[in-house]
Each structure stands twice: as C-alpha cells, then as structure tokens.
C-alpha cells in the first residue's frame, strides 16, 4: 500500500483530494524504529512531525523530580501524529516518544510542511485541521490529568 492510500485511511484527512494526498505522500519520508528506541526526546529541539502508521509508542513525560511516567500509549490504528508542536514552532519537545513495539512512521519536516501549505492551500487547511484536532485532544487529556492531580492535592491537604 502506498503512502497516499495509507493517508486515505485517516478520517480527518478524508476531505483532501487524491491529487493533494499524492503530493503530500511525495514529501513524506518513511522511518522505522525498533522496540525500545526513542523516536523523540523530551527537551530536544524539533522540526519534524511523525505520522504513526504501524506499531505502538509510549508518550513519556518527566516530573519536576526527574521521575518518568507514561502519559499516553498510541498505536497505528489510532490515526495519530506526534511531534507536531515542535514542527510548528521549532521549540523543544514536550515529551519523549518511545517505540513500544517495532514501528513504522511517515515523517515531514517544517520546510517540506510549509512548502506543501504554500502550494496546496486547500489541502493545507485540512492538514492543519487534522493537526489542530490532535492538539485539542491532547490539551483535553492534559486538562483531565491536571484535574486529577489538583483533586489529589486537595485531598492530601484536607487529610492532613
């Protein structure tokens, strides 16, 4: 199956034309990672976004005390991306993404991404909508996590 056919399986990319998907597929690079390998490292500067095609990854954050915790597990069936924030703003990675199993990803860097947006604006709108939906989902998860931490802190204060 070619990259364009793989991208067609992503519900949030359904509005992108076949021609635009072929163009997008042409600027993606396939990268494979072995189980246990870090794909992204928290704190590193990044400029690439990854589309998870096959396999499972853990998204790992570091606490202020240096402890690591898994805040999400993603698999290829979820039609997800990661690394999109650093690709957009060229800032530091907010988490480590580690391959839990052997993984296949499609990667685009900020230069190719911006070129695609400039030359395929209608498809770019849909691609940005896809990225925005992913970011919104992540913010909602983080808000729920913050609520749990806040509740635990209140309970700890009230108990003692």
C-alpha atoms as a PDB file:
ATOM      1  CA  UNK A   1       0.000   0.000   0.000  1.00  0.00           C
ATOM      2  CA  UNK A   2       1.400   3.423  -0.972  1.00  0.00           C
ATOM      3  CA  UNK A   3       1.596   6.400   1.351  1.00  0.00           C
ATOM      4  CA  UNK A   4      -1.378   8.135  -0.287  1.00  0.00           C
ATOM      5  CA  UNK A   5      -3.554   5.050   0.283  1.00  0.00           C
ATOM      6  CA  UNK A   6      -2.415   4.915   3.904  1.00  0.00           C
ATOM      7  CA  UNK A   7      -3.269   8.598   4.378  1.00  0.00           C
ATOM      8  CA  UNK A   8      -6.757   7.985   2.920  1.00  0.00           C
ATOM      9  CA  UNK A   9      -7.496   5.726   5.897  1.00  0.00           C
ATOM     10  CA  UNK A  10      -7.158   8.706   8.266  1.00  0.00           C
ATOM     11  CA  UNK A  11     -10.707  10.020   8.853  1.00  0.00           C
ATOM     12  CA  UNK A  12      -9.553  13.598   9.410  1.00  0.00           C
ATOM     13  CA  UNK A  13      -7.763  13.617   6.045  1.00  0.00           C
ATOM     14  CA  UNK A  14     -10.833  12.422   4.114  1.00  0.00           C
ATOM     15  CA  UNK A  15     -11.529  15.862   2.638  1.00  0.00           C
ATOM     16  CA  UNK A  16      -8.128  16.090   0.961  1.00  0.00           C
ATOM     17  CA  UNK A  17      -8.284  15.267  -2.745  1.00  0.00           C
ATOM     18  CA  UNK A  18      -6.477  12.255  -4.174  1.00  0.00           C
ATOM     19  CA  UNK A  19      -4.172  14.606  -6.084  1.00  0.00           C
ATOM     20  CA  UNK A  20      -3.254  16.501  -2.912  1.00  0.00           C
ATOM     21  CA  UNK A  21      -2.746  13.269  -0.973  1.00  0.00           C
ATOM     22  CA  UNK A  22      -0.355  12.094  -3.679  1.00  0.00           C
ATOM     23  CA  UNK A  23       1.523  15.383  -3.393  1.00  0.00           C
ATOM     24  CA  UNK A  24       1.656  15.055   0.407  1.00  0.00           C
ATOM     25  CA  UNK A  25       2.773  11.434   0.162  1.00  0.00           C
ATOM     26  CA  UNK A  26       5.602  12.583  -2.091  1.00  0.00           C
ATOM     27  CA  UNK A  27       7.114  14.792   0.627  1.00  0.00           C
ATOM     28  CA  UNK A  28       6.863  12.221   3.416  1.00  0.00           C
ATOM     29  CA  UNK A  29       9.802  10.097   4.454  1.00  0.00           C
ATOM     30  CA  UNK A  30       9.374   6.611   5.909  1.00  0.00           C
ATOM     31  CA  UNK A  31      11.256   5.898   9.128  1.00  0.00           C
ATOM     32  CA  UNK A  32      11.239   2.690  11.128  1.00  0.00           C
ATOM     33  CA  UNK A  33      12.063   2.311  14.796  1.00  0.00           C
ATOM     34  CA  UNK A  34      12.822  -0.774  16.860  1.00  0.00           C
ATOM     35  CA  UNK A  35      11.043  -1.597  20.111  1.00  0.00           C
ATOM     36  CA  UNK A  36      12.639   0.373  22.951  1.00  0.00           C
ATOM     37  CA  UNK A  37      14.097   3.049  20.671  1.00  0.00           C
ATOM     38  CA  UNK A  38      13.411   6.723  21.410  1.00  0.00           C
ATOM     39  CA  UNK A  39      11.789   8.425  18.434  1.00  0.00           C
ATOM     40  CA  UNK A  40      11.708  11.852  20.118  1.00  0.00           C
ATOM     41  CA  UNK A  41      13.376  13.003  23.324  1.00  0.00           C
ATOM     42  CA  UNK A  42      11.807  15.448  25.744  1.00  0.00           C
ATOM     43  CA  UNK A  43      13.752  18.719  25.743  1.00  0.00           C
ATOM     44  CA  UNK A  44      15.347  18.245  22.314  1.00  0.00           C
ATOM     45  CA  UNK A  45      14.649  20.904  19.704  1.00  0.00           C
ATOM     46  CA  UNK A  46      12.466  19.531  16.959  1.00  0.00           C
ATOM     47  CA  UNK A  47      11.297  20.379  13.473  1.00  0.00           C
ATOM     48  CA  UNK A  48       9.557  17.171  12.367  1.00  0.00           C
ATOM     49  CA  UNK A  49       6.109  15.654  12.709  1.00  0.00           C
ATOM     50  CA  UNK A  50       5.572  11.889  12.725  1.00  0.00           C
ATOM     51  CA  UNK A  51       2.536  10.018  11.459  1.00  0.00           C
ATOM     52  CA  UNK A  52       2.302   6.647  13.182  1.00  0.00           C
ATOM     53  CA  UNK A  53       1.438   4.016  10.584  1.00  0.00           C
ATOM     54  CA  UNK A  54       2.214   0.760  12.349  1.00  0.00           C
ATOM     55  CA  UNK A  55       3.252  -0.230  15.856  1.00  0.00           C
ATOM     56  CA  UNK A  56       2.765   1.162  19.345  1.00  0.00           C
ATOM     57  CA  UNK A  57       4.532   4.021  21.129  1.00  0.00           C
ATOM     58  CA  UNK A  58       4.559   5.353  24.680  1.00  0.00           C
ATOM     59  CA  UNK A  59       4.481   9.105  25.288  1.00  0.00           C
ATOM     60  CA  UNK A  60       6.647   9.719  28.348  1.00  0.00           C
ATOM     61  CA  UNK A  61       6.921  12.876  30.444  1.00  0.00           C
ATOM     62  CA  UNK A  62       9.388  13.778  33.175  1.00  0.00           C
ATOM     63  CA  UNK A  63       8.238  15.187  36.510  1.00  0.00           C
ATOM     64  CA  UNK A  64       9.995  18.050  38.292  1.00  0.00           C
ATOM     65  CA  UNK A  65      11.600  15.339  40.458  1.00  0.00           C
ATOM     66  CA  UNK A  66      13.047  13.547  37.445  1.00  0.00           C
ATOM     67  CA  UNK A  67      10.596  10.648  37.527  1.00  0.00           C
ATOM     68  CA  UNK A  68       9.274   9.374  34.206  1.00  0.00           C
ATOM     69  CA  UNK A  69       5.667   8.432  33.605  1.00  0.00           C
ATOM     70  CA  UNK A  70       3.737   7.234  30.591  1.00  0.00           C
ATOM     71  CA  UNK A  71       1.008   9.765  29.861  1.00  0.00           C
ATOM     72  CA  UNK A  72      -0.311   8.040  26.715  1.00  0.00           C
ATOM     73  CA  UNK A  73       0.083   4.955  24.597  1.00  0.00           C
ATOM     74  CA  UNK A  74      -0.644   5.336  20.888  1.00  0.00           C
ATOM     75  CA  UNK A  75      -0.923   2.745  18.159  1.00  0.00           C
ATOM     76  CA  UNK A  76      -1.139   2.800  14.397  1.00  0.00           C
ATOM     77  CA  UNK A  77      -4.882   2.139  14.372  1.00  0.00           C
ATOM     78  CA  UNK A  78      -5.497   5.465  16.153  1.00  0.00           C
ATOM     79  CA  UNK A  79      -4.506   7.552  13.090  1.00  0.00           C
ATOM     80  CA  UNK A  80      -2.368   9.829  15.217  1.00  0.00           C
ATOM     81  CA  UNK A  81       0.553  12.174  14.822  1.00  0.00           C
ATOM     82  CA  UNK A  82       3.194  13.335  17.254  1.00  0.00           C
ATOM     83  CA  UNK A  83       5.909  15.964  17.162  1.00  0.00           C
ATOM     84  CA  UNK A  84       3.553  18.451  15.527  1.00  0.00           C
ATOM     85  CA  UNK A  85       4.024  21.169  18.160  1.00  0.00           C
ATOM     86  CA  UNK A  86       7.805  21.356  17.757  1.00  0.00           C
ATOM     87  CA  UNK A  87       7.451  21.164  13.974  1.00  0.00           C
ATOM     88  CA  UNK A  88       5.201  24.211  14.018  1.00  0.00           C
ATOM     89  CA  UNK A  89       7.196  26.356  16.445  1.00  0.00           C
ATOM     90  CA  UNK A  90      10.691  24.754  16.304  1.00  0.00           C
ATOM     91  CA  UNK A  91      10.722  24.644  20.084  1.00  0.00           C
ATOM     92  CA  UNK A  92      11.691  21.885  22.483  1.00  0.00           C
ATOM     93  CA  UNK A  93       9.935  18.544  22.540  1.00  0.00           C
ATOM     94  CA  UNK A  94       7.377  18.342  25.339  1.00  0.00           C
ATOM     95  CA  UNK A  95       7.713  14.572  25.781  1.00  0.00           C
ATOM     96  CA  UNK A  96       9.740  11.534  24.861  1.00  0.00           C
ATOM     97  CA  UNK A  97       8.101   9.159  22.409  1.00  0.00           C
ATOM     98  CA  UNK A  98       9.465   5.623  22.701  1.00  0.00           C
ATOM     99  CA  UNK A  99       8.659   2.714  20.421  1.00  0.00           C
ATOM    100  CA  UNK A 100       6.916   0.059  22.500  1.00  0.00           C
ATOM    101  CA  UNK A 101       6.950  -2.300  19.510  1.00  0.00           C
ATOM    102  CA  UNK A 102       8.671  -2.078  16.149  1.00  0.00           C
ATOM    103  CA  UNK A 103       7.127   0.972  14.452  1.00  0.00           C
ATOM    104  CA  UNK A 104       6.747   2.470  11.020  1.00  0.00           C
ATOM    105  CA  UNK A 105       6.207   6.212  10.706  1.00  0.00           C
ATOM    106  CA  UNK A 106       5.911   8.790   7.969  1.00  0.00           C
ATOM    107  CA  UNK A 107       7.824  11.993   8.698  1.00  0.00           C
ATOM    108  CA  UNK A 108       7.629  15.548   7.414  1.00  0.00           C
ATOM    109  CA  UNK A 109       9.866  18.406   8.472  1.00  0.00           C
ATOM    110  CA  UNK A 110       8.877  22.047   8.815  1.00  0.00           C
ATOM    111  CA  UNK A 111      10.400  23.091   5.478  1.00  0.00           C
ATOM    112  CA  UNK A 112       8.531  20.467   3.436  1.00  0.00           C
ATOM    113  CA  UNK A 113       5.384  21.051   5.505  1.00  0.00           C
ATOM    114  CA  UNK A 114       5.394  24.810   4.866  1.00  0.00           C
ATOM    115  CA  UNK A 115       6.136  24.259   1.177  1.00  0.00           C
ATOM    116  CA  UNK A 116       3.141  21.912   0.964  1.00  0.00           C
ATOM    117  CA  UNK A 117       0.920  24.500   2.710  1.00  0.00           C
ATOM    118  CA  UNK A 118       2.045  27.228   0.313  1.00  0.00           C
ATOM    119  CA  UNK A 119       1.461  25.146  -2.818  1.00  0.00           C
ATOM    120  CA  UNK A 120      -1.666  23.243  -1.774  1.00  0.00           C
ATOM    121  CA  UNK A 121      -3.594  25.740   0.377  1.00  0.00           C
ATOM    122  CA  UNK A 122      -6.932  23.888   0.369  1.00  0.00           C
ATOM    123  CA  UNK A 123      -5.252  20.636   1.400  1.00  0.00           C
ATOM    124  CA  UNK A 124      -3.155  22.654   3.849  1.00  0.00           C
ATOM    125  CA  UNK A 125      -6.312  23.837   5.596  1.00  0.00           C
ATOM    126  CA  UNK A 126      -7.436  20.223   6.034  1.00  0.00           C
ATOM    127  CA  UNK A 127      -3.995  19.128   7.203  1.00  0.00           C
ATOM    128  CA  UNK A 128      -3.887  21.965   9.729  1.00  0.00           C
ATOM    129  CA  UNK A 129      -7.391  20.999  10.867  1.00  0.00           C
ATOM    130  CA  UNK A 130      -6.094  17.448  11.416  1.00  0.00           C
ATOM    131  CA  UNK A 131      -3.152  18.738  13.462  1.00  0.00           C
ATOM    132  CA  UNK A 132      -5.433  21.088  15.408  1.00  0.00           C
ATOM    133  CA  UNK A 133      -7.794  18.251  16.303  1.00  0.00           C
ATOM    134  CA  UNK A 134      -4.817  16.265  17.565  1.00  0.00           C
ATOM    135  CA  UNK A 135      -3.617  19.206  19.660  1.00  0.00           C
ATOM    136  CA  UNK A 136      -7.100  19.801  21.085  1.00  0.00           C
ATOM    137  CA  UNK A 137      -7.366  16.131  22.041  1.00  0.00           C
ATOM    138  CA  UNK A 138      -4.006  16.355  23.815  1.00  0.00           C
ATOM    139  CA  UNK A 139      -5.000  19.529  25.675  1.00  0.00           C
ATOM    140  CA  UNK A 140      -8.222  17.879  26.855  1.00  0.00           C
ATOM    141  CA  UNK A 141      -6.252  14.878  28.138  1.00  0.00           C
ATOM    142  CA  UNK A 142      -3.775  17.165  29.915  1.00  0.00           C
ATOM    143  CA  UNK A 143      -6.634  19.154  31.471  1.00  0.00           C
ATOM    144  CA  UNK A 144      -8.166  15.934  32.785  1.00  0.00           C
ATOM    145  CA  UNK A 145      -4.773  14.914  34.189  1.00  0.00           C
ATOM    146  CA  UNK A 146      -4.346  18.303  35.866  1.00  0.00           C
ATOM    147  CA  UNK A 147      -7.799  17.972  37.388  1.00  0.00           C
ATOM    148  CA  UNK A 148      -6.842  14.589  38.871  1.00  0.00           C
ATOM    149  CA  UNK A 149      -3.607  15.997  40.305  1.00  0.00           C
ATOM    150  CA  UNK A 150      -5.445  19.010  41.723  1.00  0.00           C
ATOM    151  CA  UNK A 151      -8.059  16.769  43.322  1.00  0.00           C
ATOM    152  CA  UNK A 152      -5.357  14.551  44.854  1.00  0.00           C
ATOM    153  CA  UNK A 153      -3.585  17.635  46.225  1.00  0.00           C
ATOM    154  CA  UNK A 154      -6.812  18.935  47.798  1.00  0.00           C
ATOM    155  CA  UNK A 155      -7.498  15.547  49.380  1.00  0.00           C
ATOM    156  CA  UNK A 156      -3.933  15.419  50.740  1.00  0.00           C
ATOM    157  CA  UNK A 157      -4.280  18.912  52.245  1.00  0.00           C
ATOM    158  CA  UNK A 158      -7.674  18.129  53.783  1.00  0.00           C
ATOM    159  CA  UNK A 159      -6.394  14.902  55.343  1.00  0.00           C
ATOM    160  CA  UNK A 160      -3.513  16.360  56.935  1.00  0.00           C
END
